[in-house]
Structure formats: C-alpha cells, structure tokens
Amino acid sequence: MITARYGLAVLLVTGVFAQHGDYPSDQENVVFKTQIGKQINKDDVQCGEYFWKSEKADKRGTPSVYYFYGDPAYGKNKLGLYHQSQYKVVVNPEKDPPTVQVIRDADGSLKEVRVQMTEAQLTASKACFSK
C-alpha cells in the first residue's frame, strides 16, 4: 500500500514537471527579447526586440525568421525558425511580450506560424513582417 502511494506520488510529480517544462510549439509561447551576439549568423538582422531575420539559416537562401522561447532559468530555451512567408501576424494590444503558436493542419503539415504582438512591436519588426 505504501509502495503504491509512493509510486503514484512520483508519477504525479513527474507529470506536473513534464507539462510545464516542454513548451510545445503548437501551444502559445511567450517570445524572449533578442540579445546581440546570440543570433545564428553574425549577418542576421534584428527585427524589433524579439525576432531575427536570416538570409543564411536556410541553405537555399530563403529568408527565414527566428525567435527564442522556453524557460531560460532551466536551460530549456527553444528556437523557432521558419520561412518568412509562413508567419501570420495578429495585432493584439494585450500581447506584450509577443507570443508565437505553430498551427498545423489535420495531416500535421505546417499551416502558419501565428504571432500575436502589439501594433508598436509590429512596426518595430517591419524588417521581418509586413502589415
């Protein structure tokens, strides 16, 4: 009986930490501010305070936009990198800092990368996104 309770407690604790530490891309995630020197390539262009635009991240030279999210305190930063054409920006005055969510269709194919940000953030990020 004690072993069963201990096992259940371990499962519950493990489940709680797993749910909070994963930051799945199909859920809305808060984007970290960019930091000079933390870009993929030294030639990447900073777009406002939250995104980078790269001409070199894709081997074919397709312009790509990337961002960082996750939990920096635990070293679980994640990188979101997608072709520039796949981003869809939604202006939302309540999204400061911006959030990103990867939207997939029923087959699991990428449909869009939805960014929610304020109008001011969109204006500052014009090198990455168009209105």
Protein backbone atom coordinates (compact mmCIF):
# COMPACT_ATOMS: atom_id res chain seq x y z
CA MET A 1 0.00 0.00 0.00
CA ILE A 2 2.79 2.42 0.91
CA THR A 3 4.68 1.47 -2.26
CA ALA A 4 1.57 2.14 -4.36
CA ARG A 5 1.12 5.59 -2.79
CA TYR A 6 4.81 6.40 -3.31
CA GLY A 7 4.63 5.30 -6.95
CA LEU A 8 1.51 7.41 -7.53
CA ALA A 9 3.18 10.45 -5.94
CA VAL A 10 6.23 10.03 -8.19
CA LEU A 11 4.01 9.80 -11.27
CA LEU A 12 2.06 12.91 -10.30
CA VAL A 13 5.19 14.96 -9.62
CA THR A 14 6.80 13.79 -12.86
CA GLY A 15 3.65 14.62 -14.81
CA VAL A 16 3.47 18.13 -13.39
CA PHE A 17 7.09 18.92 -14.28
CA ALA A 18 6.78 17.40 -17.74
CA GLN A 19 3.73 19.51 -18.57
CA HIS A 20 5.37 22.78 -17.56
CA GLY A 21 8.84 22.18 -18.99
CA ASP A 22 8.07 21.16 -22.55
CA TYR A 23 6.79 24.37 -24.17
CA PRO A 24 5.24 22.60 -27.17
CA SER A 25 5.28 24.74 -30.32
CA ASP A 26 1.60 24.05 -31.04
CA GLN A 27 0.68 26.00 -27.91
CA GLU A 28 1.03 29.74 -27.47
CA ASN A 29 4.53 30.56 -26.16
CA VAL A 30 5.99 33.86 -25.00
CA VAL A 31 8.95 35.06 -27.07
CA PHE A 32 12.20 36.20 -25.40
CA LYS A 33 13.83 39.51 -26.22
CA THR A 34 16.72 39.23 -28.65
CA GLN A 35 20.28 39.62 -27.44
CA ILE A 36 23.09 40.89 -29.64
CA GLY A 37 25.63 38.09 -30.06
CA LYS A 38 23.01 35.36 -29.64
CA GLN A 39 21.93 35.28 -33.30
CA ILE A 40 22.61 32.24 -35.52
CA ASN A 41 24.75 34.17 -38.02
CA LYS A 42 26.57 37.43 -37.43
CA ASP A 43 24.85 38.90 -40.53
CA ASP A 44 21.32 38.25 -39.23
CA VAL A 45 19.13 41.34 -38.87
CA GLN A 46 17.41 42.15 -35.60
CA CYS A 47 13.69 42.87 -36.11
CA GLY A 48 12.49 44.94 -33.19
CA GLU A 49 13.17 43.43 -29.79
CA TYR A 50 12.00 39.84 -30.32
CA PHE A 51 12.87 38.40 -33.76
CA TRP A 52 15.83 37.84 -36.09
CA LYS A 53 15.75 37.67 -39.89
CA SER A 54 18.32 35.48 -41.60
CA GLU A 55 19.29 35.02 -45.24
CA LYS A 56 21.71 32.21 -44.29
CA ALA A 57 19.72 29.98 -41.93
CA ASP A 58 18.13 28.19 -44.90
CA LYS A 59 20.68 26.57 -47.22
CA ARG A 60 18.68 27.66 -50.28
CA GLY A 61 18.82 31.30 -49.18
CA THR A 62 15.10 31.60 -48.46
CA PRO A 63 14.61 34.42 -45.95
CA SER A 64 13.82 32.97 -42.54
CA VAL A 65 12.67 34.48 -39.27
CA TYR A 66 13.53 33.01 -35.90
CA TYR A 67 12.89 33.58 -32.22
CA PHE A 68 13.69 32.06 -28.85
CA TYR A 69 11.22 30.83 -26.24
CA GLY A 70 11.04 28.41 -23.32
CA ASP A 71 12.47 28.63 -19.84
CA PRO A 72 15.92 30.26 -19.61
CA ALA A 73 16.27 29.53 -15.89
CA TYR A 74 16.46 25.80 -16.55
CA GLY A 75 18.43 25.93 -19.81
CA LYS A 76 15.41 24.84 -21.81
CA ASN A 77 15.48 27.61 -24.38
CA LYS A 78 13.99 26.61 -27.68
CA LEU A 79 14.42 28.06 -31.15
CA GLY A 80 11.58 28.62 -33.59
CA LEU A 81 12.88 29.04 -37.16
CA TYR A 82 10.53 29.19 -40.15
CA HIS A 83 10.50 30.70 -43.64
CA GLN A 84 9.42 34.32 -43.54
CA SER A 85 6.35 33.61 -45.72
CA GLN A 86 4.92 31.21 -43.11
CA TYR A 87 4.39 33.87 -40.45
CA LYS A 88 1.00 35.47 -39.89
CA VAL A 89 0.93 38.43 -37.51
CA VAL A 90 -2.17 39.28 -35.49
CA VAL A 91 -2.16 42.66 -33.76
CA ASN A 92 -3.30 42.20 -30.17
CA PRO A 93 -2.74 45.05 -27.67
CA GLU A 94 -2.68 42.53 -24.79
CA LYS A 95 0.29 40.54 -26.16
CA ASP A 96 3.29 42.28 -24.66
CA PRO A 97 5.65 40.43 -24.88
CA PRO A 98 4.63 38.76 -28.15
CA THR A 99 3.52 35.15 -28.37
CA VAL A 100 4.00 32.56 -31.12
CA GLN A 101 1.99 29.44 -31.90
CA VAL A 102 2.66 26.94 -34.70
CA ILE A 103 -0.59 25.97 -36.44
CA ARG A 104 -0.74 22.64 -38.27
CA ASP A 105 -3.48 21.11 -40.40
CA ALA A 106 -5.12 17.73 -39.77
CA ASP A 107 -2.25 15.94 -41.57
CA GLY A 108 0.34 17.60 -39.34
CA SER A 109 1.69 19.85 -42.11
CA LEU A 110 2.65 23.39 -41.18
CA LYS A 111 -0.19 25.78 -41.93
CA GLU A 112 1.18 29.01 -40.38
CA VAL A 113 3.24 30.45 -37.57
CA ARG A 114 0.88 32.79 -35.73
CA VAL A 115 2.49 35.74 -33.97
CA GLN A 116 0.45 37.94 -31.65
CA MET A 117 2.01 41.30 -30.84
CA THR A 118 1.16 44.94 -30.27
CA GLU A 119 0.98 47.46 -33.11
CA ALA A 120 4.16 49.14 -31.83
CA GLN A 121 6.02 45.80 -31.84
CA LEU A 122 4.83 45.09 -35.38
CA THR A 123 6.05 48.50 -36.53
CA ALA A 124 9.45 47.87 -34.91
CA SER A 125 9.60 44.41 -36.53
CA LYS A 126 8.80 45.57 -40.07
CA ALA A 127 12.02 44.01 -41.44
CA CYS A 128 10.56 40.59 -40.56
CA PHE A 129 6.83 41.07 -41.05
CA SER A 130 4.56 43.10 -43.28
CA LYS A 131 1.24 44.55 -42.11
